[in-house]
PDB file of N, CA and C in Angstrom:
ATOM      1  N   UNK A   1      20.017 -34.085 -19.354  1.00  0.00           N
ATOM      2  CA  UNK A   1      19.108 -33.807 -20.299  1.00  0.00           C
ATOM      3  C   UNK A   1      17.712 -33.306 -19.572  1.00  0.00           C
ATOM      4  N   UNK A   2      17.381 -33.645 -18.314  1.00  0.00           N
ATOM      5  CA  UNK A   2      16.513 -32.912 -17.549  1.00  0.00           C
ATOM      6  C   UNK A   2      16.375 -31.455 -17.517  1.00  0.00           C
ATOM      7  N   UNK A   3      17.608 -30.959 -17.454  1.00  0.00           N
ATOM      8  CA  UNK A   3      17.625 -29.419 -17.236  1.00  0.00           C
ATOM      9  C   UNK A   3      17.216 -28.643 -18.647  1.00  0.00           C
ATOM     10  N   UNK A   4      17.009 -29.254 -19.691  1.00  0.00           N
ATOM     11  CA  UNK A   4      16.359 -28.684 -20.941  1.00  0.00           C
ATOM     12  C   UNK A   4      15.083 -27.995 -20.795  1.00  0.00           C
ATOM     13  N   UNK A   5      14.277 -28.461 -19.748  1.00  0.00           N
ATOM     14  CA  UNK A   5      12.797 -28.033 -19.839  1.00  0.00           C
ATOM     15  C   UNK A   5      12.755 -26.896 -18.508  1.00  0.00           C
ATOM     16  N   UNK A   6      13.933 -26.803 -17.858  1.00  0.00           N
ATOM     17  CA  UNK A   6      13.967 -25.834 -16.664  1.00  0.00           C
ATOM     18  C   UNK A   6      12.840 -24.585 -16.770  1.00  0.00           C
ATOM     19  N   UNK A   7      13.098 -23.962 -18.003  1.00  0.00           N
ATOM     20  CA  UNK A   7      12.315 -22.587 -18.226  1.00  0.00           C
ATOM     21  C   UNK A   7      10.840 -22.813 -18.096  1.00  0.00           C
ATOM     22  N   UNK A   8      10.546 -23.835 -18.976  1.00  0.00           N
ATOM     23  CA  UNK A   8       9.061 -23.921 -19.181  1.00  0.00           C
ATOM     24  C   UNK A   8       8.373 -24.774 -17.732  1.00  0.00           C
ATOM     25  N   UNK A   9       9.165 -25.509 -17.041  1.00  0.00           N
ATOM     26  CA  UNK A   9       8.939 -26.112 -15.799  1.00  0.00           C
ATOM     27  C   UNK A   9       8.993 -24.863 -14.701  1.00  0.00           C
ATOM     28  N   UNK A  10       9.874 -23.981 -14.703  1.00  0.00           N
ATOM     29  CA  UNK A  10       9.719 -23.088 -13.796  1.00  0.00           C
ATOM     30  C   UNK A  10       8.449 -22.061 -13.869  1.00  0.00           C
ATOM     31  N   UNK A  11       7.952 -21.898 -15.297  1.00  0.00           N
ATOM     32  CA  UNK A  11       7.000 -21.002 -15.556  1.00  0.00           C
ATOM     33  C   UNK A  11       5.638 -21.603 -15.129  1.00  0.00           C
ATOM     34  N   UNK A  12       5.991 -22.943 -15.415  1.00  0.00           N
ATOM     35  CA  UNK A  12       4.555 -23.885 -14.778  1.00  0.00           C
ATOM     36  C   UNK A  12       4.295 -23.608 -13.240  1.00  0.00           C
ATOM     37  N   UNK A  13       5.544 -24.011 -12.504  1.00  0.00           N
ATOM     38  CA  UNK A  13       5.588 -23.885 -11.119  1.00  0.00           C
ATOM     39  C   UNK A  13       5.169 -22.587 -10.638  1.00  0.00           C
ATOM     40  N   UNK A  14       5.652 -21.570 -11.361  1.00  0.00           N
ATOM     41  CA  UNK A  14       5.219 -20.135 -11.115  1.00  0.00           C
ATOM     42  C   UNK A  14       3.720 -20.016 -11.402  1.00  0.00           C
ATOM     43  N   UNK A  15       3.095 -20.679 -12.431  1.00  0.00           N
ATOM     44  CA  UNK A  15       1.675 -20.499 -12.439  1.00  0.00           C
ATOM     45  C   UNK A  15       0.911 -20.997 -11.205  1.00  0.00           C
ATOM     46  N   UNK A  16       1.317 -22.267 -10.913  1.00  0.00           N
ATOM     47  CA  UNK A  16       0.742 -23.096  -9.826  1.00  0.00           C
ATOM     48  C   UNK A  16       0.901 -22.323  -8.380  1.00  0.00           C
ATOM     49  N   UNK A  17       1.885 -21.645  -8.386  1.00  0.00           N
ATOM     50  CA  UNK A  17       2.119 -20.868  -7.074  1.00  0.00           C
ATOM     51  C   UNK A  17       1.469 -19.580  -6.868  1.00  0.00           C
ATOM     52  N   UNK A  18       0.974 -18.877  -8.138  1.00  0.00           N
ATOM     53  CA  UNK A  18       0.326 -17.636  -8.411  1.00  0.00           C
ATOM     54  C   UNK A  18      -1.087 -18.483  -7.887  1.00  0.00           C
ATOM     55  N   UNK A  19      -1.607 -19.337  -8.467  1.00  0.00           N
ATOM     56  CA  UNK A  19      -2.872 -19.779  -8.176  1.00  0.00           C
ATOM     57  C   UNK A  19      -3.083 -20.303  -6.519  1.00  0.00           C
ATOM     58  N   UNK A  20      -2.097 -20.833  -6.193  1.00  0.00           N
ATOM     59  CA  UNK A  20      -2.067 -21.146  -4.679  1.00  0.00           C
ATOM     60  C   UNK A  20      -2.176 -19.836  -3.922  1.00  0.00           C
ATOM     61  N   UNK A  21      -1.591 -18.790  -4.332  1.00  0.00           N
ATOM     62  CA  UNK A  21      -1.444 -17.520  -3.352  1.00  0.00           C
ATOM     63  C   UNK A  21      -2.845 -16.831  -3.450  1.00  0.00           C
ATOM     64  N   UNK A  22      -3.536 -16.929  -4.755  1.00  0.00           N
ATOM     65  CA  UNK A  22      -4.581 -16.513  -5.023  1.00  0.00           C
ATOM     66  C   UNK A  22      -5.855 -17.075  -4.319  1.00  0.00           C
ATOM     67  N   UNK A  23      -5.734 -18.395  -4.237  1.00  0.00           N
ATOM     68  CA  UNK A  23      -6.806 -19.125  -4.022  1.00  0.00           C
ATOM     69  C   UNK A  23      -6.715 -19.737  -2.365  1.00  0.00           C
ATOM     70  N   UNK A  24      -5.467 -20.176  -2.144  1.00  0.00           N
ATOM     71  CA  UNK A  24      -5.546 -20.787  -0.519  1.00  0.00           C
ATOM     72  C   UNK A  24      -4.981 -19.743   0.302  1.00  0.00           C
ATOM     73  N   UNK A  25      -4.019 -18.690  -0.163  1.00  0.00           N
ATOM     74  CA  UNK A  25      -3.687 -17.518   0.822  1.00  0.00           C
ATOM     75  C   UNK A  25      -4.470 -16.443   1.036  1.00  0.00           C
ATOM     76  N   UNK A  26      -4.726 -15.541  -0.286  1.00  0.00           N
ATOM     77  CA  UNK A  26      -5.659 -14.698  -0.597  1.00  0.00           C
ATOM     78  C   UNK A  26      -5.923 -13.957   0.741  1.00  0.00           C
ATOM     79  N   UNK A  27      -5.057 -13.082   1.405  1.00  0.00           N
ATOM     80  CA  UNK A  27      -5.512 -12.578   2.989  1.00  0.00           C
ATOM     81  C   UNK A  27      -6.379 -11.607   2.753  1.00  0.00           C
ATOM     82  N   UNK A  28      -6.459 -10.985   1.581  1.00  0.00           N
ATOM     83  CA  UNK A  28      -7.583  -9.659   1.400  1.00  0.00           C
ATOM     84  C   UNK A  28      -8.501 -10.193   0.827  1.00  0.00           C
ATOM     85  N   UNK A  29      -8.840 -11.426   0.411  1.00  0.00           N
ATOM     86  CA  UNK A  29     -10.417 -11.879  -0.122  1.00  0.00           C
ATOM     87  C   UNK A  29     -10.597 -11.268  -1.558  1.00  0.00           C
ATOM     88  N   UNK A  30      -9.786 -11.330  -2.445  1.00  0.00           N
ATOM     89  CA  UNK A  30     -10.235 -10.825  -3.905  1.00  0.00           C
ATOM     90  C   UNK A  30      -9.921 -12.095  -4.967  1.00  0.00           C
ATOM     91  N   UNK A  31     -10.063 -13.158  -4.557  1.00  0.00           N
ATOM     92  CA  UNK A  31      -9.911 -14.263  -5.639  1.00  0.00           C
ATOM     93  C   UNK A  31     -10.946 -14.423  -6.632  1.00  0.00           C
ATOM     94  N   UNK A  32     -11.922 -13.919  -6.145  1.00  0.00           N
ATOM     95  CA  UNK A  32     -13.273 -13.896  -7.181  1.00  0.00           C
ATOM     96  C   UNK A  32     -13.356 -12.722  -7.757  1.00  0.00           C
ATOM     97  N   UNK A  33     -12.550 -11.563  -7.894  1.00  0.00           N
ATOM     98  CA  UNK A  33     -12.472 -10.292  -8.587  1.00  0.00           C
ATOM     99  C   UNK A  33     -11.623 -10.715  -9.789  1.00  0.00           C
ATOM    100  N   UNK A  34     -11.996 -10.753 -11.193  1.00  0.00           N
ATOM    101  CA  UNK A  34     -11.378 -10.983 -12.178  1.00  0.00           C
ATOM    102  C   UNK A  34     -10.150 -10.062 -12.663  1.00  0.00           C
ATOM    103  N   UNK A  35     -10.397  -8.818 -12.328  1.00  0.00           N
ATOM    104  CA  UNK A  35      -9.475  -7.834 -12.641  1.00  0.00           C
ATOM    105  C   UNK A  35      -8.333  -7.742 -11.288  1.00  0.00           C
ATOM    106  N   UNK A  36      -8.299  -8.519 -10.357  1.00  0.00           N
ATOM    107  CA  UNK A  36      -7.342  -8.774  -9.277  1.00  0.00           C
ATOM    108  C   UNK A  36      -6.478  -9.946  -9.369  1.00  0.00           C
ATOM    109  N   UNK A  37      -6.698 -10.653 -10.546  1.00  0.00           N
ATOM    110  CA  UNK A  37      -6.094 -11.988 -10.561  1.00  0.00           C
ATOM    111  C   UNK A  37      -4.422 -11.925 -10.068  1.00  0.00           C
ATOM    112  N   UNK A  38      -4.004 -10.821 -10.638  1.00  0.00           N
ATOM    113  CA  UNK A  38      -2.549 -10.790 -10.355  1.00  0.00           C
ATOM    114  C   UNK A  38      -2.076  -9.963  -9.245  1.00  0.00           C
ATOM    115  N   UNK A  39      -2.943  -9.834  -8.294  1.00  0.00           N
ATOM    116  CA  UNK A  39      -2.663  -8.996  -6.946  1.00  0.00           C
ATOM    117  C   UNK A  39      -1.486  -9.569  -6.281  1.00  0.00           C
ATOM    118  N   UNK A  40      -1.151 -10.955  -6.114  1.00  0.00           N
ATOM    119  CA  UNK A  40      -0.187 -11.538  -5.374  1.00  0.00           C
ATOM    120  C   UNK A  40       1.033 -11.855  -6.328  1.00  0.00           C
ATOM    121  N   UNK A  41       0.953 -11.475  -7.320  1.00  0.00           N
ATOM    122  CA  UNK A  41       2.181 -11.933  -8.294  1.00  0.00           C
ATOM    123  C   UNK A  41       3.721 -11.616  -7.810  1.00  0.00           C
ATOM    124  N   UNK A  42       3.508 -10.248  -7.198  1.00  0.00           N
ATOM    125  CA  UNK A  42       4.931  -9.622  -6.830  1.00  0.00           C
ATOM    126  C   UNK A  42       5.301 -10.823  -5.723  1.00  0.00           C
ATOM    127  N   UNK A  43       4.733 -11.394  -5.036  1.00  0.00           N
ATOM    128  CA  UNK A  43       5.420 -12.326  -3.885  1.00  0.00           C
ATOM    129  C   UNK A  43       5.714 -13.782  -4.545  1.00  0.00           C
ATOM    130  N   UNK A  44       4.859 -14.126  -5.684  1.00  0.00           N
ATOM    131  CA  UNK A  44       5.203 -15.517  -6.429  1.00  0.00           C
ATOM    132  C   UNK A  44       6.759 -15.923  -6.662  1.00  0.00           C
ATOM    133  N   UNK A  45       7.242 -15.074  -7.300  1.00  0.00           N
ATOM    134  CA  UNK A  45       8.790 -15.007  -7.321  1.00  0.00           C
ATOM    135  C   UNK A  45       9.529 -15.503  -6.236  1.00  0.00           C
ATOM    136  N   UNK A  46       9.582 -14.776  -5.076  1.00  0.00           N
ATOM    137  CA  UNK A  46      10.086 -15.118  -3.866  1.00  0.00           C
ATOM    138  C   UNK A  46       9.829 -16.362  -3.410  1.00  0.00           C
ATOM    139  N   UNK A  47       8.284 -16.566  -3.356  1.00  0.00           N
ATOM    140  CA  UNK A  47       7.834 -18.078  -2.895  1.00  0.00           C
ATOM    141  C   UNK A  47       8.531 -19.172  -3.734  1.00  0.00           C
ATOM    142  N   UNK A  48       8.576 -19.014  -5.225  1.00  0.00           N
ATOM    143  CA  UNK A  48       9.046 -19.757  -5.871  1.00  0.00           C
ATOM    144  C   UNK A  48      10.937 -20.259  -5.585  1.00  0.00           C
ATOM    145  N   UNK A  49      11.487 -18.988  -5.635  1.00  0.00           N
ATOM    146  CA  UNK A  49      12.716 -19.216  -5.016  1.00  0.00           C
ATOM    147  C   UNK A  49      12.784 -19.881  -3.576  1.00  0.00           C
ATOM    148  N   UNK A  50      12.107 -19.888  -2.774  1.00  0.00           N
ATOM    149  CA  UNK A  50      11.953 -20.599  -1.461  1.00  0.00           C
ATOM    150  C   UNK A  50      11.767 -21.928  -1.600  1.00  0.00           C
ATOM    151  N   UNK A  51      10.741 -22.328  -2.652  1.00  0.00           N
ATOM    152  CA  UNK A  51      10.421 -23.626  -2.798  1.00  0.00           C
ATOM    153  C   UNK A  51      11.742 -24.263  -3.662  1.00  0.00           C
ATOM    154  N   UNK A  52      12.557 -23.737  -4.542  1.00  0.00           N
ATOM    155  CA  UNK A  52      13.649 -24.339  -5.056  1.00  0.00           C
ATOM    156  C   UNK A  52      14.598 -24.495  -4.117  1.00  0.00           C
ATOM    157  N   UNK A  53      14.629 -23.700  -2.958  1.00  0.00           N
ATOM    158  CA  UNK A  53      15.834 -23.851  -2.026  1.00  0.00           C
ATOM    159  C   UNK A  53      15.330 -24.952  -1.022  1.00  0.00           C
ATOM    160  N   UNK A  54      16.295 -26.062  -1.270  1.00  0.00           N
ATOM    161  CA  UNK A  54      15.948 -27.063  -0.470  1.00  0.00           C
ATOM    162  C   UNK A  54      15.865 -27.149   0.759  1.00  0.00           C
ATOM    163  N   UNK A  55      16.485 -26.253   1.540  1.00  0.00           N
ATOM    164  CA  UNK A  55      16.351 -25.929   3.087  1.00  0.00           C
ATOM    165  C   UNK A  55      15.120 -25.139   3.428  1.00  0.00           C
ATOM    166  N   UNK A  56      14.367 -24.578   2.451  1.00  0.00           N
ATOM    167  CA  UNK A  56      13.104 -23.789   2.954  1.00  0.00           C
ATOM    168  C   UNK A  56      12.307 -24.968   3.389  1.00  0.00           C
ATOM    169  N   UNK A  57      11.395 -24.502   4.713  1.00  0.00           N
ATOM    170  CA  UNK A  57      10.491 -25.540   5.104  1.00  0.00           C
ATOM    171  C   UNK A  57       9.219 -24.873   4.816  1.00  0.00           C
ATOM    172  N   UNK A  58       8.025 -25.501   5.126  1.00  0.00           N
ATOM    173  CA  UNK A  58       6.494 -24.952   5.035  1.00  0.00           C
ATOM    174  C   UNK A  58       6.724 -23.769   5.988  1.00  0.00           C
ATOM    175  N   UNK A  59       7.416 -23.974   7.323  1.00  0.00           N
ATOM    176  CA  UNK A  59       7.251 -22.734   8.388  1.00  0.00           C
ATOM    177  C   UNK A  59       7.861 -21.568   7.741  1.00  0.00           C
ATOM    178  N   UNK A  60       8.901 -21.661   6.970  1.00  0.00           N
ATOM    179  CA  UNK A  60       9.853 -20.713   6.462  1.00  0.00           C
ATOM    180  C   UNK A  60       8.765 -19.976   5.380  1.00  0.00           C
ATOM    181  N   UNK A  61       8.050 -20.844   4.523  1.00  0.00           N
ATOM    182  CA  UNK A  61       7.186 -19.706   3.645  1.00  0.00           C
ATOM    183  C   UNK A  61       6.023 -19.479   4.146  1.00  0.00           C
ATOM    184  N   UNK A  62       5.464 -20.074   5.208  1.00  0.00           N
ATOM    185  CA  UNK A  62       4.322 -19.559   5.746  1.00  0.00           C
ATOM    186  C   UNK A  62       4.758 -18.193   6.732  1.00  0.00           C
ATOM    187  N   UNK A  63       6.049 -18.149   7.238  1.00  0.00           N
ATOM    188  CA  UNK A  63       6.334 -17.075   8.127  1.00  0.00           C
ATOM    189  C   UNK A  63       6.667 -15.898   7.041  1.00  0.00           C
ATOM    190  N   UNK A  64       6.942 -16.089   6.039  1.00  0.00           N
ATOM    191  CA  UNK A  64       7.083 -15.329   4.579  1.00  0.00           C
ATOM    192  C   UNK A  64       5.871 -14.490   4.412  1.00  0.00           C
ATOM    193  N   UNK A  65       4.841 -15.492   4.257  1.00  0.00           N
ATOM    194  CA  UNK A  65       3.435 -14.954   3.691  1.00  0.00           C
ATOM    195  C   UNK A  65       2.837 -14.114   4.902  1.00  0.00           C
ATOM    196  N   UNK A  66       2.959 -14.500   6.233  1.00  0.00           N
ATOM    197  CA  UNK A  66       2.516 -13.909   7.271  1.00  0.00           C
ATOM    198  C   UNK A  66       2.966 -12.586   7.582  1.00  0.00           C
ATOM    199  N   UNK A  67       4.135 -12.587   7.294  1.00  0.00           N
ATOM    200  CA  UNK A  67       4.994 -11.131   7.287  1.00  0.00           C
ATOM    201  C   UNK A  67       4.411 -10.316   6.129  1.00  0.00           C
ATOM    202  N   UNK A  68       4.182 -10.833   4.894  1.00  0.00           N
ATOM    203  CA  UNK A  68       3.591  -9.837   3.975  1.00  0.00           C
ATOM    204  C   UNK A  68       2.389  -9.519   4.320  1.00  0.00           C
ATOM    205  N   UNK A  69       1.375 -10.390   4.735  1.00  0.00           N
ATOM    206  CA  UNK A  69      -0.011 -10.076   5.245  1.00  0.00           C
ATOM    207  C   UNK A  69       0.017  -9.034   6.438  1.00  0.00           C
ATOM    208  N   UNK A  70       0.795  -9.174   7.371  1.00  0.00           N
ATOM    209  CA  UNK A  70       0.831  -8.202   8.533  1.00  0.00           C
ATOM    210  C   UNK A  70       1.540  -6.931   8.541  1.00  0.00           C
ATOM    211  N   UNK A  71       2.959  -7.135   7.811  1.00  0.00           N
ATOM    212  CA  UNK A  71       3.604  -6.031   7.653  1.00  0.00           C
ATOM    213  C   UNK A  71       3.486  -5.026   6.649  1.00  0.00           C
ATOM    214  N   UNK A  72       3.432  -5.919   5.484  1.00  0.00           N
ATOM    215  CA  UNK A  72       3.247  -5.001   4.363  1.00  0.00           C
ATOM    216  C   UNK A  72       1.722  -4.485   3.940  1.00  0.00           C
ATOM    217  N   UNK A  73       0.805  -5.524   4.436  1.00  0.00           N
ATOM    218  CA  UNK A  73      -0.627  -5.442   4.086  1.00  0.00           C
ATOM    219  C   UNK A  73      -1.282  -4.774   5.422  1.00  0.00           C
ATOM    220  N   UNK A  74      -0.516  -4.729   6.696  1.00  0.00           N
ATOM    221  CA  UNK A  74      -1.300  -4.326   7.663  1.00  0.00           C
ATOM    222  C   UNK A  74      -2.769  -4.824   8.346  1.00  0.00           C
ATOM    223  N   UNK A  75      -2.660  -6.421   7.724  1.00  0.00           N
ATOM    224  CA  UNK A  75      -3.684  -7.271   8.207  1.00  0.00           C
ATOM    225  C   UNK A  75      -3.577  -8.203   9.349  1.00  0.00           C
ATOM    226  N   UNK A  76      -4.709  -8.225  10.144  1.00  0.00           N
ATOM    227  CA  UNK A  76      -4.518  -9.133  11.453  1.00  0.00           C
ATOM    228  C   UNK A  76      -6.030  -9.682  11.679  1.00  0.00           C
ATOM    229  N   UNK A  77      -6.028 -10.890  11.566  1.00  0.00           N
ATOM    230  CA  UNK A  77      -7.235 -11.533  11.823  1.00  0.00           C
ATOM    231  C   UNK A  77      -6.974 -12.860  12.387  1.00  0.00           C
ATOM    232  N   UNK A  78      -8.175 -13.603  13.011  1.00  0.00           N
ATOM    233  CA  UNK A  78      -7.656 -14.926  13.621  1.00  0.00           C
ATOM    234  C   UNK A  78      -7.416 -16.050  12.552  1.00  0.00           C
ATOM    235  N   UNK A  79      -7.930 -16.154  11.386  1.00  0.00           N
ATOM    236  CA  UNK A  79      -7.621 -17.244  10.555  1.00  0.00           C
ATOM    237  C   UNK A  79      -6.301 -17.036   9.758  1.00  0.00           C
ATOM    238  N   UNK A  80      -5.735 -15.753   9.903  1.00  0.00           N
ATOM    239  CA  UNK A  80      -4.484 -15.287   9.042  1.00  0.00           C
ATOM    240  C   UNK A  80      -3.392 -16.458   9.166  1.00  0.00           C
ATOM    241  N   UNK A  81      -2.958 -16.583  10.124  1.00  0.00           N
ATOM    242  CA  UNK A  81      -1.855 -17.833  10.275  1.00  0.00           C
ATOM    243  C   UNK A  81      -2.230 -19.046   9.727  1.00  0.00           C
ATOM    244  N   UNK A  82      -3.370 -19.698  10.003  1.00  0.00           N
ATOM    245  CA  UNK A  82      -3.756 -20.736   9.249  1.00  0.00           C
ATOM    246  C   UNK A  82      -3.772 -20.661   7.874  1.00  0.00           C
ATOM    247  N   UNK A  83      -4.124 -19.581   7.263  1.00  0.00           N
ATOM    248  CA  UNK A  83      -4.180 -19.462   5.630  1.00  0.00           C
ATOM    249  C   UNK A  83      -2.883 -19.523   5.413  1.00  0.00           C
ATOM    250  N   UNK A  84      -1.911 -18.692   5.929  1.00  0.00           N
ATOM    251  CA  UNK A  84      -0.605 -19.018   5.556  1.00  0.00           C
ATOM    252  C   UNK A  84       0.157 -20.389   5.570  1.00  0.00           C
ATOM    253  N   UNK A  85      -0.226 -21.184   6.569  1.00  0.00           N
ATOM    254  CA  UNK A  85       0.329 -22.454   6.702  1.00  0.00           C
ATOM    255  C   UNK A  85      -0.206 -23.412   5.665  1.00  0.00           C
ATOM    256  N   UNK A  86      -1.556 -23.257   5.471  1.00  0.00           N
ATOM    257  CA  UNK A  86      -2.315 -23.925   4.487  1.00  0.00           C
ATOM    258  C   UNK A  86      -1.512 -23.862   3.113  1.00  0.00           C
ATOM    259  N   UNK A  87      -1.498 -22.265   2.608  1.00  0.00           N
ATOM    260  CA  UNK A  87      -0.849 -22.161   1.462  1.00  0.00           C
ATOM    261  C   UNK A  87       0.730 -22.902   1.300  1.00  0.00           C
ATOM    262  N   UNK A  88       1.427 -22.611   2.423  1.00  0.00           N
ATOM    263  CA  UNK A  88       2.857 -22.957   2.560  1.00  0.00           C
ATOM    264  C   UNK A  88       2.757 -24.545   2.359  1.00  0.00           C
ATOM    265  N   UNK A  89       1.987 -25.232   2.927  1.00  0.00           N
ATOM    266  CA  UNK A  89       2.006 -26.616   2.741  1.00  0.00           C
ATOM    267  C   UNK A  89       1.663 -27.160   1.307  1.00  0.00           C
ATOM    268  N   UNK A  90       0.533 -26.292   0.709  1.00  0.00           N
ATOM    269  CA  UNK A  90       0.377 -26.772  -0.713  1.00  0.00           C
ATOM    270  C   UNK A  90       1.544 -26.401  -1.655  1.00  0.00           C
ATOM    271  N   UNK A  91       2.223 -25.199  -1.353  1.00  0.00           N
ATOM    272  CA  UNK A  91       3.425 -25.016  -2.312  1.00  0.00           C
ATOM    273  C   UNK A  91       4.485 -25.863  -1.909  1.00  0.00           C
ATOM    274  N   UNK A  92       4.729 -26.351  -0.865  1.00  0.00           N
ATOM    275  CA  UNK A  92       5.984 -27.050  -0.608  1.00  0.00           C
ATOM    276  C   UNK A  92       5.526 -28.515  -1.179  1.00  0.00           C
ATOM    277  N   UNK A  93       4.388 -28.785  -1.279  1.00  0.00           N
ATOM    278  CA  UNK A  93       3.913 -30.127  -2.060  1.00  0.00           C
ATOM    279  C   UNK A  93       4.377 -30.183  -3.393  1.00  0.00           C
ATOM    280  N   UNK A  94       4.710 -28.944  -3.941  1.00  0.00           N
ATOM    281  CA  UNK A  94       5.322 -28.912  -5.339  1.00  0.00           C
ATOM    282  C   UNK A  94       6.440 -29.358  -5.660  1.00  0.00           C
ATOM    283  N   UNK A  95       7.320 -29.625  -4.635  1.00  0.00           N
ATOM    284  CA  UNK A  95       8.621 -30.286  -4.810  1.00  0.00           C
ATOM    285  C   UNK A  95       8.689 -31.448  -5.214  1.00  0.00           C
TER     286      UNK A  95
END
């Protein structure tokens, strides 16, 4: 019976993950730009998949976010690792 709401629940979790990526992670500082609200959507599906995977830890999620920020976005600044860790903890708390 609990599986019947899987689609709606997944969409709800995806929306929360999108918000966490935009507000807590936001490595390029665009959270206050209305036109950029979907900037990190491409990463939200992967992060949701990691969240559903019972073996994924906050460290795993933080490492993924850090890799995206450094390897794909070319970013590097002192607070970046902390942003990734903070966002990962918030995401993992959704379990």
